Amino acid sequence: MRKTYVMQNGELVEKKTIMEKRLQLISDIEPYQNMVNRGWITGRRQHREFLKQHNLVELGTDGGQIKDGTTGN
């Protein structure tokens, strides 16, 4: 097996790969009722398709900037 080393404090030490081999799962979003037609969104794929279908942009919690230069705050 090949090992990987990194420089740490002037010395070569073996790189730990425990985190690289773990499977990391991200839970799905909680179902929510959309504001366009009051239908239910039940998963990430449906959420992305809904946004694309209605030409919407998700701004997140920090506001952000919309394509026309206005802010979402």
C-alpha atoms as a PDB file:
ATOM      1  CA  MET A   1       0.000   0.000   0.000  1.00  0.00           C
ATOM      2  CA  ARG A   2       1.218   3.476  -0.871  1.00  0.00           C
ATOM      3  CA  LYS A   3       1.615   5.968   1.915  1.00  0.00           C
ATOM      4  CA  THR A   4       1.369   9.732   1.717  1.00  0.00           C
ATOM      5  CA  TYR A   5       3.592  12.045   3.726  1.00  0.00           C
ATOM      6  CA  VAL A   6       3.294  15.721   4.603  1.00  0.00           C
ATOM      7  CA  MET A   7       5.799  18.214   6.012  1.00  0.00           C
ATOM      8  CA  GLN A   8       4.960  19.113   9.609  1.00  0.00           C
ATOM      9  CA  ASN A   9       7.300  21.201  11.784  1.00  0.00           C
ATOM     10  CA  GLY A  10      10.191  20.500   9.407  1.00  0.00           C
ATOM     11  CA  GLU A  11       9.682  16.718   9.449  1.00  0.00           C
ATOM     12  CA  LEU A  12       7.953  14.312   7.089  1.00  0.00           C
ATOM     13  CA  VAL A  13       5.073  12.560   8.820  1.00  0.00           C
ATOM     14  CA  GLU A  14       2.581  10.055   7.440  1.00  0.00           C
ATOM     15  CA  LYS A  15      -0.694  11.663   6.387  1.00  0.00           C
ATOM     16  CA  LYS A  16      -3.679  10.205   8.189  1.00  0.00           C
ATOM     17  CA  THR A  17      -6.395   9.088   5.799  1.00  0.00           C
ATOM     18  CA  ILE A  18      -9.098   7.995   8.227  1.00  0.00           C
ATOM     19  CA  MET A  19     -11.462  10.820   7.235  1.00  0.00           C
ATOM     20  CA  GLU A  20     -10.929  10.210   3.518  1.00  0.00           C
ATOM     21  CA  LYS A  21     -12.291   6.665   3.785  1.00  0.00           C
ATOM     22  CA  ARG A  22     -15.423   7.438   5.780  1.00  0.00           C
ATOM     23  CA  LEU A  23     -18.753   7.649   4.065  1.00  0.00           C
ATOM     24  CA  GLN A  24     -20.401  10.964   4.837  1.00  0.00           C
ATOM     25  CA  LEU A  25     -24.151  11.265   4.402  1.00  0.00           C
ATOM     26  CA  ILE A  26     -26.066  14.509   4.258  1.00  0.00           C
ATOM     27  CA  SER A  27     -29.670  14.329   5.364  1.00  0.00           C
ATOM     28  CA  ASP A  28     -32.391  15.446   2.992  1.00  0.00           C
ATOM     29  CA  ILE A  29     -34.230  18.725   3.527  1.00  0.00           C
ATOM     30  CA  GLU A  30     -37.406  18.828   5.571  1.00  0.00           C
ATOM     31  CA  PRO A  31     -40.589  19.063   3.454  1.00  0.00           C
ATOM     32  CA  TYR A  32     -41.892  22.595   3.044  1.00  0.00           C
ATOM     33  CA  GLN A  33     -44.764  24.349   1.304  1.00  0.00           C
ATOM     34  CA  ASN A  34     -43.564  26.674  -1.459  1.00  0.00           C
ATOM     35  CA  MET A  35     -44.764  30.256  -1.779  1.00  0.00           C
ATOM     36  CA  VAL A  36     -45.540  30.157  -5.526  1.00  0.00           C
ATOM     37  CA  ASN A  37     -48.380  27.654  -5.756  1.00  0.00           C
ATOM     38  CA  ARG A  38     -48.496  26.331  -2.152  1.00  0.00           C
ATOM     39  CA  GLY A  39     -47.364  22.865  -3.315  1.00  0.00           C
ATOM     40  CA  TRP A  40     -45.122  20.697  -1.143  1.00  0.00           C
ATOM     41  CA  ILE A  41     -41.389  20.311  -1.800  1.00  0.00           C
ATOM     42  CA  THR A  42     -40.173  17.034  -0.306  1.00  0.00           C
ATOM     43  CA  GLY A  43     -36.532  16.665  -1.374  1.00  0.00           C
ATOM     44  CA  ARG A  44     -33.389  18.370  -2.675  1.00  0.00           C
ATOM     45  CA  ARG A  45     -33.924  17.325  -6.293  1.00  0.00           C
ATOM     46  CA  GLN A  46     -37.494  18.598  -6.261  1.00  0.00           C
ATOM     47  CA  HIS A  47     -36.265  21.844  -4.644  1.00  0.00           C
ATOM     48  CA  ARG A  48     -33.630  22.423  -7.370  1.00  0.00           C
ATOM     49  CA  GLU A  49     -36.126  21.622 -10.149  1.00  0.00           C
ATOM     50  CA  PHE A  50     -38.725  23.950  -8.590  1.00  0.00           C
ATOM     51  CA  LEU A  51     -36.247  26.834  -8.413  1.00  0.00           C
ATOM     52  CA  LYS A  52     -35.189  26.297 -12.029  1.00  0.00           C
ATOM     53  CA  GLN A  53     -38.774  25.909 -13.295  1.00  0.00           C
ATOM     54  CA  HIS A  54     -39.876  29.191 -11.695  1.00  0.00           C
ATOM     55  CA  ASN A  55     -36.632  31.098 -12.435  1.00  0.00           C
ATOM     56  CA  LEU A  56     -35.943  31.565  -8.713  1.00  0.00           C
ATOM     57  CA  VAL A  57     -32.634  32.020  -6.880  1.00  0.00           C
ATOM     58  CA  GLU A  58     -31.947  30.795  -3.359  1.00  0.00           C
ATOM     59  CA  LEU A  59     -30.263  33.572  -1.385  1.00  0.00           C
ATOM     60  CA  GLY A  60     -29.517  31.795   1.886  1.00  0.00           C
ATOM     61  CA  THR A  61     -29.303  33.358   5.317  1.00  0.00           C
ATOM     62  CA  ASP A  62     -26.681  35.999   4.496  1.00  0.00           C
ATOM     63  CA  GLY A  63     -28.683  37.796   1.803  1.00  0.00           C
ATOM     64  CA  GLY A  64     -26.497  37.699  -1.261  1.00  0.00           C
ATOM     65  CA  GLN A  65     -26.719  39.530  -4.545  1.00  0.00           C
ATOM     66  CA  ILE A  66     -29.243  39.028  -7.339  1.00  0.00           C
ATOM     67  CA  LYS A  67     -28.090  39.143 -10.988  1.00  0.00           C
ATOM     68  CA  ASP A  68     -29.466  42.666 -11.516  1.00  0.00           C
ATOM     69  CA  GLY A  69     -27.208  44.018  -8.745  1.00  0.00           C
ATOM     70  CA  THR A  70     -29.814  44.390  -6.012  1.00  0.00           C
ATOM     71  CA  THR A  71     -29.299  42.705  -2.668  1.00  0.00           C
ATOM     72  CA  GLY A  72     -31.585  40.214  -0.998  1.00  0.00           C
ATOM     73  CA  ASN A  73     -31.557  41.951   2.389  1.00  0.00           C
END
